[in-house]
């Protein structure tokens, strides 16, 4: 896809959202069912059923997906798609590109071993490796816009309020 095709595809959507801002408010959903036989949650991904379980560092078998890994994978996917869309829109040629994320966790927190150990990632590193001849100032703009428009990155960075409820079935 080139910049012109991308703009043509997005132009009517952007115009619709400008004229009707409420139409841009979409609720994304995720659903899961707790497994009957193991400490796991079956997720409906839209394409398949995924099964998440405990990380081996907390006693898991390693056969199920780890939700921490899934968070990093969502960040990599969103950041990669966003970078590609921005590069396309700005006509920045990329011969090849890779995206990776690493996150540091202290599992003592989630296991309740040490009250001073945080639960969750203490630090996340997101990296883009690009094969391109674009000048550095163009790449700086590419990174800035990727950060600005990546939904998962902005969500992690900003920490929006999360409402949690428990209800009987």
Protein backbone atom coordinates (compact mmCIF):
# COMPACT_ATOMS: atom_id res chain seq x y z
CA UNK A 1 0.00 0.00 0.00
CA UNK A 2 1.26 3.49 -0.78
CA UNK A 3 0.52 6.85 0.87
CA UNK A 4 -2.13 7.81 -1.67
CA UNK A 5 -4.05 4.54 -1.23
CA UNK A 6 -3.87 4.85 2.56
CA UNK A 7 -5.14 8.43 2.50
CA UNK A 8 -7.94 7.51 0.11
CA UNK A 9 -8.98 4.65 2.36
CA UNK A 10 -8.92 6.74 5.55
CA UNK A 11 -10.26 10.05 4.20
CA UNK A 12 -13.99 9.19 4.40
CA UNK A 13 -13.52 7.67 7.85
CA UNK A 14 -11.70 10.78 9.12
CA UNK A 15 -14.34 13.06 7.61
CA UNK A 16 -17.11 11.05 9.24
CA UNK A 17 -15.40 11.33 12.64
CA UNK A 18 -14.86 15.07 12.19
CA UNK A 19 -18.54 15.64 11.42
CA UNK A 20 -19.75 13.16 14.06
CA UNK A 21 -17.18 12.85 16.88
CA UNK A 22 -19.42 10.44 18.79
CA UNK A 23 -19.11 7.93 15.93
CA UNK A 24 -15.40 7.61 16.70
CA UNK A 25 -16.12 6.31 20.20
CA UNK A 26 -15.93 2.56 19.76
CA UNK A 27 -15.96 -0.01 22.55
CA UNK A 28 -13.53 -2.86 21.96
CA UNK A 29 -14.26 -6.01 23.91
CA UNK A 30 -12.44 -9.07 25.14
CA UNK A 31 -14.02 -12.12 26.71
CA UNK A 32 -12.72 -15.16 28.48
CA UNK A 33 -13.95 -18.17 30.40
CA UNK A 34 -12.12 -19.65 33.35
CA UNK A 35 -10.91 -23.17 32.70
CA UNK A 36 -12.59 -25.93 34.72
CA UNK A 37 -9.52 -28.11 35.13
CA UNK A 38 -6.52 -25.82 35.48
CA UNK A 39 -5.54 -22.30 36.49
CA UNK A 40 -6.17 -20.88 33.04
CA UNK A 41 -8.49 -18.55 31.15
CA UNK A 42 -9.79 -19.33 27.66
CA UNK A 43 -9.84 -16.17 25.55
CA UNK A 44 -11.99 -15.51 22.51
CA UNK A 45 -9.59 -13.78 20.12
CA UNK A 46 -11.90 -13.44 17.13
CA UNK A 47 -9.78 -15.81 15.06
CA UNK A 48 -9.25 -18.65 17.49
CA UNK A 49 -9.46 -19.65 21.10
CA UNK A 50 -6.36 -18.83 23.13
CA UNK A 51 -5.64 -20.27 26.54
CA UNK A 52 -3.76 -18.13 29.06
CA UNK A 53 -2.26 -19.52 32.22
CA UNK A 54 0.34 -18.91 34.87
CA UNK A 55 3.86 -17.98 33.80
CA UNK A 56 6.40 -20.69 34.67
CA UNK A 57 7.98 -18.24 37.15
CA UNK A 58 4.73 -18.44 39.15
CA UNK A 59 4.20 -22.19 38.84
CA UNK A 60 2.70 -22.46 35.37
CA UNK A 61 3.51 -25.22 32.92
CA UNK A 62 4.53 -22.87 30.12
CA UNK A 63 2.00 -24.57 27.83
CA UNK A 64 -0.50 -21.71 28.09
CA UNK A 65 -0.02 -18.13 27.00
CA UNK A 66 1.25 -15.71 29.63
CA UNK A 67 -0.83 -12.55 29.93
CA UNK A 68 2.34 -10.49 30.48
CA UNK A 69 3.72 -11.81 27.19
CA UNK A 70 0.37 -11.05 25.56
CA UNK A 71 0.55 -7.44 26.78
CA UNK A 72 4.00 -7.06 25.22
CA UNK A 73 2.78 -8.79 22.05
CA UNK A 74 -0.15 -6.36 21.84
CA UNK A 75 2.29 -3.47 22.21
CA UNK A 76 4.55 -4.87 19.47
CA UNK A 77 1.59 -5.49 17.16
CA UNK A 78 0.07 -2.05 17.67
CA UNK A 79 3.39 -0.21 17.48
CA UNK A 80 4.40 -2.15 14.38
CA UNK A 81 1.14 -1.47 12.56
CA UNK A 82 1.24 2.19 13.62
CA UNK A 83 4.85 2.64 12.47
CA UNK A 84 4.06 1.01 9.13
CA UNK A 85 0.97 3.21 8.65
CA UNK A 86 2.92 6.38 9.50
CA UNK A 87 5.84 5.36 7.26
CA UNK A 88 3.37 4.68 4.46
CA UNK A 89 1.55 8.00 4.97
CA UNK A 90 4.85 9.91 4.95
CA UNK A 91 6.26 7.87 2.03
CA UNK A 92 9.24 6.70 4.08
CA UNK A 93 10.69 3.67 2.32
CA UNK A 94 11.43 0.72 4.59
CA UNK A 95 13.31 -2.22 3.12
CA UNK A 96 12.72 -4.19 6.31
CA UNK A 97 11.58 -3.47 9.85
CA UNK A 98 11.36 -5.29 13.14
CA UNK A 99 9.68 -4.44 16.43
CA UNK A 100 10.45 -5.92 19.84
CA UNK A 101 9.39 -5.28 23.41
CA UNK A 102 10.87 -6.39 26.70
CA UNK A 103 9.42 -5.92 30.13
CA UNK A 104 10.94 -6.39 33.57
CA UNK A 105 8.81 -8.08 36.23
CA UNK A 106 9.53 -8.94 39.86
CA UNK A 107 7.41 -12.04 40.36
CA UNK A 108 7.65 -11.68 44.14
CA UNK A 109 4.94 -9.02 43.82
CA UNK A 110 2.31 -11.11 42.08
CA UNK A 111 3.09 -14.10 44.30
CA UNK A 112 2.72 -12.01 47.45
CA UNK A 113 6.22 -12.94 48.61
CA UNK A 114 7.37 -9.37 49.26
CA UNK A 115 4.94 -6.54 50.00
CA UNK A 116 7.45 -3.97 48.71
CA UNK A 117 7.78 -5.73 45.34
CA UNK A 118 5.52 -4.12 42.72
CA UNK A 119 2.91 -6.15 40.87
CA UNK A 120 3.25 -5.54 37.16
CA UNK A 121 5.97 -4.39 34.83
CA UNK A 122 8.57 -2.13 36.40
CA UNK A 123 9.92 -1.10 32.99
CA UNK A 124 9.08 -1.80 29.35
CA UNK A 125 11.46 -1.26 26.45
CA UNK A 126 10.07 -0.95 22.92
CA UNK A 127 12.52 -1.10 20.02
CA UNK A 128 12.23 -0.60 16.28
CA UNK A 129 14.95 -1.87 13.94
CA UNK A 130 14.66 -0.32 10.50
CA UNK A 131 16.48 -0.89 7.23
CA UNK A 132 16.03 2.43 5.45
CA UNK A 133 18.00 5.25 3.86
CA UNK A 134 15.69 7.90 5.32
CA UNK A 135 17.55 10.72 7.08
CA UNK A 136 17.63 10.77 10.89
CA UNK A 137 15.28 13.77 11.19
CA UNK A 138 12.66 11.85 9.19
CA UNK A 139 13.13 8.80 11.41
CA UNK A 140 12.81 11.01 14.50
CA UNK A 141 9.46 12.24 13.16
CA UNK A 142 8.43 8.67 12.35
CA UNK A 143 9.12 7.61 15.94
CA UNK A 144 7.37 10.67 17.40
CA UNK A 145 4.23 10.05 15.34
CA UNK A 146 4.29 6.32 16.06
CA UNK A 147 4.37 7.05 19.79
CA UNK A 148 1.60 9.62 19.40
CA UNK A 149 -0.80 7.37 17.48
CA UNK A 150 -0.11 3.91 18.94
CA UNK A 151 -3.18 3.01 21.01
CA UNK A 152 -1.51 0.36 23.17
CA UNK A 153 1.58 2.48 23.84
CA UNK A 154 -0.50 5.50 24.82
CA UNK A 155 -2.73 3.33 27.02
CA UNK A 156 0.23 1.84 28.88
CA UNK A 157 1.97 5.21 29.12
CA UNK A 158 -1.08 7.14 30.32
CA UNK A 159 -2.63 4.54 32.61
CA UNK A 160 -6.34 5.26 32.12
CA UNK A 161 -8.82 4.56 34.91
CA UNK A 162 -9.98 0.96 34.98
CA UNK A 163 -13.32 0.04 36.51
CA UNK A 164 -13.38 -3.43 38.05
CA UNK A 165 -16.58 -5.20 39.10
CA UNK A 166 -17.49 -8.63 40.34
CA UNK A 167 -20.95 -10.03 39.64
CA UNK A 168 -22.65 -13.31 40.33
CA UNK A 169 -23.69 -15.40 37.32
